[in-house]
Amino acid sequence: MALASVFFCMAGCLVKSGSHIGAYRMAFFRFVIGMGLIAAAAMSGRVKLVFNNKKLLFLRGVAGGIAILIGFLSITKLGLGKGMVLICSYPIFASIISAVFLKERLRLFDIGAILTAIAGIYFIAYEKQEGFSLLVFGKYELLAVLGAVIAGIAVTLIRRLHDTDDSMSIYFSQCLVGMWLVLGPSFSSEGPVGLNGVFILLGIGATVTVGQLLMTEGFKYVPVKTGSLLLMIEPVLCYVAGVTIFSERLTLSSVCGSVLVVGACAVVLTHRRLDRQVQTGVSGV
């Protein structure tokens, strides 16, 4: 899950660099390239695509496709740091949804860790000049929060789908459904892509595919709330990339927020490991 965050951050940097290409076009090529890579692996016999729970696969494709498109729009309109911070606030929604529909236990400790990580994310997003507030959002900020809610639904569906389908089939379905969602708007996008844009599109497709497969496989072994917290490393990495690559401003609040996010993830992992040791004995056998 942590490695998935690294690849998602790389993809975010490419999306920011390719803002002139358009979010719909980038999303379309992201889905096409991801689907093509999985299809090539299937045709070579390296993987086997079997679709069992077709209804949930379709719903996961719709939710994931919309969330990804909103994420791309958020980065191009709000910037890499702020856009990713808002879209990555989805764990609070994913944890609540999984507790209701998957009956995953949401302990007081989990709630505290999630709230701490969310507080860290908003510390990162805080901008003194703009007077950032939880209650004041522009239209693109509201869109990013809506994307976070939809992303929370998507990761909950991934967790449920692992009872019937494997990671490759889940990801292929997402790419297939997502491609059709953005097909029309992507072709109506104006402006040339250029050779540099071609490399950006290929890079987005490759990095997101690797990150998505790592994330999808990871949700097979960890609860939604744990996996979501680990993926919250992504906005920290994106904020650092925004400062170092795109010359975004670094503030004390962003540093404090990064510490809170990474600290919450580390505490949750440590607590989970201790739970396993108690259940299996000190030797871990």
Protein backbone atom coordinates (compact mmCIF):
# COMPACT_ATOMS: atom_id res chain seq x y z
CA MET A 1 0.00 0.00 0.00
CA ALA A 2 2.88 2.37 0.79
CA LEU A 3 4.52 1.57 -2.55
CA ALA A 4 1.21 2.21 -4.29
CA SER A 5 1.28 5.72 -2.81
CA VAL A 6 4.67 6.33 -4.42
CA PHE A 7 3.41 5.36 -7.87
CA PHE A 8 0.23 7.42 -7.43
CA CYS A 9 2.40 10.41 -6.53
CA MET A 10 4.44 9.91 -9.70
CA ALA A 11 1.20 9.79 -11.69
CA GLY A 12 0.01 12.99 -9.98
CA CYS A 13 3.19 14.78 -11.01
CA LEU A 14 2.64 13.70 -14.61
CA VAL A 15 -1.00 14.85 -14.50
CA LYS A 16 0.11 18.26 -13.22
CA SER A 17 2.72 18.46 -15.98
CA GLY A 18 0.09 17.53 -18.57
CA SER A 19 -2.60 20.00 -17.48
CA HIS A 20 -2.63 21.43 -21.02
CA ILE A 21 -3.73 18.04 -22.39
CA GLY A 22 -7.02 18.05 -20.46
CA ALA A 23 -8.33 15.88 -17.63
CA TYR A 24 -10.76 13.89 -19.80
CA ARG A 25 -8.10 13.01 -22.36
CA MET A 26 -5.59 12.03 -19.67
CA ALA A 27 -8.21 9.88 -17.93
CA PHE A 28 -9.12 8.17 -21.22
CA PHE A 29 -5.54 7.23 -22.02
CA ARG A 30 -4.98 6.19 -18.41
CA PHE A 31 -7.82 3.66 -18.73
CA VAL A 32 -6.86 2.49 -22.23
CA ILE A 33 -3.20 1.92 -21.33
CA GLY A 34 -4.09 0.12 -18.09
CA MET A 35 -6.59 -2.09 -19.88
CA GLY A 36 -4.08 -2.78 -22.68
CA LEU A 37 -1.36 -3.87 -20.24
CA ILE A 38 -3.68 -6.30 -18.46
CA ALA A 39 -5.07 -7.61 -21.76
CA ALA A 40 -1.53 -8.23 -23.05
CA ALA A 41 -0.68 -10.17 -19.89
CA ALA A 42 -3.87 -12.20 -20.27
CA MET A 43 -3.20 -13.02 -23.93
CA SER A 44 0.34 -14.14 -23.07
CA GLY A 45 -1.07 -16.52 -20.48
CA ARG A 46 0.56 -14.78 -17.51
CA VAL A 47 -2.79 -13.92 -15.93
CA LYS A 48 -6.31 -15.26 -16.26
CA LEU A 49 -9.23 -12.88 -16.38
CA VAL A 50 -12.39 -14.29 -14.83
CA PHE A 51 -15.34 -12.02 -14.00
CA ASN A 52 -17.63 -13.49 -11.35
CA ASN A 53 -19.55 -10.73 -9.58
CA LYS A 54 -20.35 -8.70 -12.69
CA LYS A 55 -22.75 -6.31 -10.95
CA LEU A 56 -20.24 -5.23 -8.31
CA LEU A 57 -17.45 -5.10 -10.90
CA PHE A 58 -19.55 -2.68 -12.95
CA LEU A 59 -20.37 -0.53 -9.90
CA ARG A 60 -16.69 -0.50 -8.88
CA GLY A 61 -15.80 0.58 -12.43
CA VAL A 62 -18.30 3.43 -12.36
CA ALA A 63 -17.25 4.65 -8.90
CA GLY A 64 -13.54 4.29 -9.61
CA GLY A 65 -13.80 5.91 -13.04
CA ILE A 66 -15.64 8.97 -11.72
CA ALA A 67 -13.29 9.31 -8.74
CA ILE A 68 -10.21 9.18 -11.01
CA LEU A 69 -11.63 11.77 -13.39
CA ILE A 70 -12.46 14.11 -10.49
CA GLY A 71 -8.96 13.54 -9.13
CA PHE A 72 -7.42 14.59 -12.45
CA LEU A 73 -9.66 17.66 -12.60
CA SER A 74 -8.74 18.57 -9.03
CA ILE A 75 -5.01 18.44 -9.79
CA THR A 76 -5.31 20.51 -12.96
CA LYS A 77 -7.61 23.14 -11.39
CA LEU A 78 -6.36 23.30 -7.78
CA GLY A 79 -2.73 22.23 -8.12
CA LEU A 80 -0.93 19.02 -7.19
CA GLY A 81 -0.74 19.62 -3.43
CA LYS A 82 -4.19 21.02 -2.67
CA GLY A 83 -5.98 18.83 -5.22
CA MET A 84 -4.50 15.60 -3.88
CA VAL A 85 -5.02 16.63 -0.26
CA LEU A 86 -8.75 17.12 -0.80
CA ILE A 87 -9.33 14.01 -2.91
CA CYS A 88 -7.33 11.94 -0.41
CA SER A 89 -9.70 12.81 2.41
CA TYR A 90 -11.72 9.73 1.31
CA PRO A 91 -10.59 7.37 4.16
CA ILE A 92 -13.09 8.88 6.57
CA PHE A 93 -15.89 8.04 4.12
CA ALA A 94 -14.43 4.62 3.26
CA SER A 95 -14.19 3.66 6.92
CA ILE A 96 -17.78 4.66 7.63
CA ILE A 97 -19.10 2.92 4.51
CA SER A 98 -17.15 -0.29 5.22
CA ALA A 99 -18.37 -0.29 8.82
CA VAL A 100 -21.99 -0.10 7.62
CA PHE A 101 -21.90 -2.45 4.61
CA LEU A 102 -18.96 -4.78 5.31
CA LYS A 103 -19.53 -4.91 9.08
CA GLU A 104 -15.86 -4.05 9.71
CA ARG A 105 -15.36 -3.08 13.32
CA LEU A 106 -14.63 0.62 13.79
CA ARG A 107 -12.99 0.95 17.21
CA LEU A 108 -12.43 4.16 19.11
CA PHE A 109 -8.70 3.77 18.38
CA ASP A 110 -9.42 3.61 14.63
CA ILE A 111 -11.64 6.67 14.78
CA GLY A 112 -8.95 8.60 16.62
CA ALA A 113 -6.28 7.60 14.09
CA ILE A 114 -8.49 8.51 11.14
CA LEU A 115 -9.39 11.89 12.61
CA THR A 116 -5.73 12.56 13.38
CA ALA A 117 -4.74 11.75 9.80
CA ILE A 118 -7.58 13.84 8.40
CA ALA A 119 -6.53 16.74 10.63
CA GLY A 120 -3.02 16.35 9.26
CA ILE A 121 -4.31 16.51 5.70
CA TYR A 122 -6.14 19.74 6.39
CA PHE A 123 -3.06 21.19 8.07
CA ILE A 124 -1.26 20.47 4.81
CA ALA A 125 -4.04 22.14 2.83
CA TYR A 126 -4.15 25.20 5.10
CA GLU A 127 -3.05 28.34 3.31
CA LYS A 128 -2.69 31.44 5.43
CA GLN A 129 -3.18 33.86 2.56
CA GLU A 130 -6.47 32.27 1.49
CA GLY A 131 -7.77 31.69 5.01
CA PHE A 132 -8.53 28.01 4.39
CA SER A 133 -11.59 26.79 6.27
CA LEU A 134 -13.47 23.50 6.49
CA LEU A 135 -16.68 25.42 5.84
CA VAL A 136 -15.56 27.52 2.87
CA PHE A 137 -15.02 25.76 -0.45
CA GLY A 138 -15.00 26.87 -4.06
CA LYS A 139 -16.69 24.78 -6.75
CA TYR A 140 -13.56 22.75 -7.45
CA GLU A 141 -12.95 22.16 -3.74
CA LEU A 142 -16.51 20.86 -3.41
CA LEU A 143 -15.98 18.69 -6.49
CA ALA A 144 -12.83 17.24 -4.93
CA VAL A 145 -14.71 16.38 -1.70
CA LEU A 146 -17.45 14.71 -3.77
CA GLY A 147 -14.69 12.72 -5.49
CA ALA A 148 -13.42 11.68 -2.06
CA VAL A 149 -16.86 10.32 -1.14
CA ILE A 150 -17.05 8.36 -4.42
CA ALA A 151 -13.49 7.08 -3.91
CA GLY A 152 -14.54 5.83 -0.47
CA ILE A 153 -17.31 3.83 -2.13
CA ALA A 154 -14.83 2.46 -4.69
CA VAL A 155 -12.31 1.13 -2.16
CA THR A 156 -15.12 -0.46 -0.14
CA LEU A 157 -16.28 -2.26 -3.28
CA ILE A 158 -12.72 -3.48 -3.89
CA ARG A 159 -12.67 -5.01 -0.43
CA ARG A 160 -16.01 -6.74 -1.06
CA LEU A 161 -15.02 -7.95 -4.53
CA HIS A 162 -11.99 -9.83 -3.23
CA ASP A 163 -14.42 -12.47 -1.96
CA THR A 164 -15.25 -13.40 -5.55
CA ASP A 165 -12.73 -11.87 -7.99
CA ASP A 166 -8.96 -11.40 -8.25
CA SER A 167 -7.01 -8.12 -8.50
CA MET A 168 -6.42 -8.27 -12.26
CA SER A 169 -10.11 -8.77 -13.07
CA ILE A 170 -11.14 -5.97 -10.70
CA TYR A 171 -8.67 -3.52 -12.23
CA PHE A 172 -9.46 -4.52 -15.84
CA SER A 173 -13.17 -3.93 -15.17
CA GLN A 174 -12.45 -0.50 -13.78
CA CYS A 175 -10.43 0.47 -16.86
CA LEU A 176 -13.10 -0.88 -19.22
CA VAL A 177 -15.99 0.95 -17.58
CA GLY A 178 -13.93 4.11 -16.98
CA MET A 179 -12.88 4.25 -20.64
CA TRP A 180 -16.50 4.35 -21.79
CA LEU A 181 -17.36 7.01 -19.19
CA VAL A 182 -14.86 9.52 -20.61
CA LEU A 183 -14.80 8.43 -24.25
CA GLY A 184 -17.03 11.22 -25.62
CA PRO A 185 -15.57 14.17 -23.65
CA SER A 186 -12.01 13.03 -24.34
CA PHE A 187 -12.47 13.25 -28.11
CA SER A 188 -14.11 16.68 -27.84
CA SER A 189 -11.06 18.05 -25.97
CA GLU A 190 -9.23 20.74 -27.89
CA GLY A 191 -5.54 21.41 -28.24
CA PRO A 192 -2.64 19.35 -29.61
CA VAL A 193 -0.99 16.68 -27.50
CA GLY A 194 2.51 16.86 -28.98
CA LEU A 195 5.41 14.44 -28.52
CA ASN A 196 5.95 15.52 -24.90
CA GLY A 197 2.27 14.92 -24.22
CA VAL A 198 2.49 11.40 -25.66
CA PHE A 199 5.23 10.52 -23.15
CA ILE A 200 3.18 12.08 -20.34
CA LEU A 201 0.12 10.01 -21.30
CA LEU A 202 2.16 6.80 -21.48
CA GLY A 203 3.74 7.61 -18.12
CA ILE A 204 0.35 8.26 -16.49
CA GLY A 205 -1.01 4.97 -17.79
CA ALA A 206 2.01 2.96 -16.62
CA THR A 207 2.45 4.50 -13.15
CA VAL A 208 -1.27 4.45 -12.31
CA THR A 209 -1.58 0.84 -13.48
CA VAL A 210 1.26 -0.30 -11.22
CA GLY A 211 -0.09 1.72 -8.29
CA GLN A 212 -3.65 0.50 -8.83
CA LEU A 213 -2.59 -3.15 -8.96
CA LEU A 214 -0.54 -2.73 -5.79
CA MET A 215 -3.48 -1.04 -4.05
CA THR A 216 -6.04 -3.59 -5.27
CA GLU A 217 -3.84 -6.49 -4.17
CA GLY A 218 -3.17 -4.80 -0.82
CA PHE A 219 -6.87 -4.49 0.00
CA LYS A 220 -7.02 -8.30 -0.18
CA TYR A 221 -4.97 -8.51 3.03
CA VAL A 222 -5.83 -5.37 5.04
CA PRO A 223 -9.16 -3.83 6.15
CA VAL A 224 -10.39 -0.74 4.31
CA LYS A 225 -9.57 1.56 7.22
CA THR A 226 -5.94 0.31 7.48
CA GLY A 227 -5.30 0.37 3.74
CA SER A 228 -6.88 3.79 3.40
CA LEU A 229 -4.66 5.20 6.13
CA LEU A 230 -1.55 3.80 4.43
CA LEU A 231 -2.60 5.40 1.15
CA MET A 232 -2.74 8.74 2.96
CA ILE A 233 1.04 8.85 2.56
CA GLU A 234 0.24 9.84 -1.03
CA PRO A 235 -0.89 13.44 -0.35
CA VAL A 236 2.24 14.00 1.76
CA LEU A 237 4.44 12.82 -1.10
CA CYS A 238 2.46 14.97 -3.53
CA TYR A 239 2.89 18.02 -1.34
CA VAL A 240 6.64 17.43 -1.16
CA ALA A 241 6.73 16.95 -4.95
CA GLY A 242 4.74 20.15 -5.40
CA VAL A 243 7.31 22.08 -3.38
CA THR A 244 10.43 20.56 -4.93
CA ILE A 245 9.27 20.13 -8.54
CA PHE A 246 6.54 22.73 -9.07
CA SER A 247 7.85 25.39 -6.63
CA GLU A 248 4.82 25.35 -4.35
CA ARG A 249 5.15 27.12 -1.01
CA LEU A 250 6.31 25.11 2.05
CA THR A 251 4.82 26.19 5.39
CA LEU A 252 5.05 25.13 9.02
CA SER A 253 1.45 23.89 8.92
CA SER A 254 2.26 21.60 5.99
CA VAL A 255 5.21 20.09 7.86
CA CYS A 256 3.05 19.50 10.96
CA GLY A 257 0.34 17.97 8.79
CA SER A 258 2.82 15.58 7.17
CA VAL A 259 3.99 14.42 10.60
CA LEU A 260 0.40 13.78 11.71
CA VAL A 261 -0.45 11.77 8.59
CA VAL A 262 2.66 9.58 8.58
CA GLY A 263 2.49 9.19 12.38
CA ALA A 264 -1.13 8.02 12.25
CA CYS A 265 -0.24 5.43 9.60
CA ALA A 266 2.73 4.15 11.63
CA VAL A 267 0.68 3.91 14.82
CA VAL A 268 -2.09 1.94 13.09
CA LEU A 269 0.44 -0.50 11.61
CA THR A 270 2.18 -0.97 14.96
CA HIS A 271 -1.14 -1.51 16.73
CA ARG A 272 -2.21 -4.07 14.13
CA ARG A 273 1.08 -5.97 14.44
CA LEU A 274 0.72 -6.08 18.22
CA ASP A 275 -2.80 -7.48 17.82
CA ARG A 276 -1.45 -10.30 15.67
CA GLN A 277 1.30 -11.09 18.20
CA VAL A 278 -1.27 -11.33 20.97
CA GLN A 279 -3.41 -13.67 18.86
CA THR A 280 -0.54 -15.96 17.69
CA GLY A 281 1.84 -15.79 20.65
CA VAL A 282 5.11 -13.94 21.18
CA SER A 283 6.99 -16.18 18.74
CA GLY A 284 4.59 -15.20 15.96
CA VAL A 285 4.10 -18.83 14.91
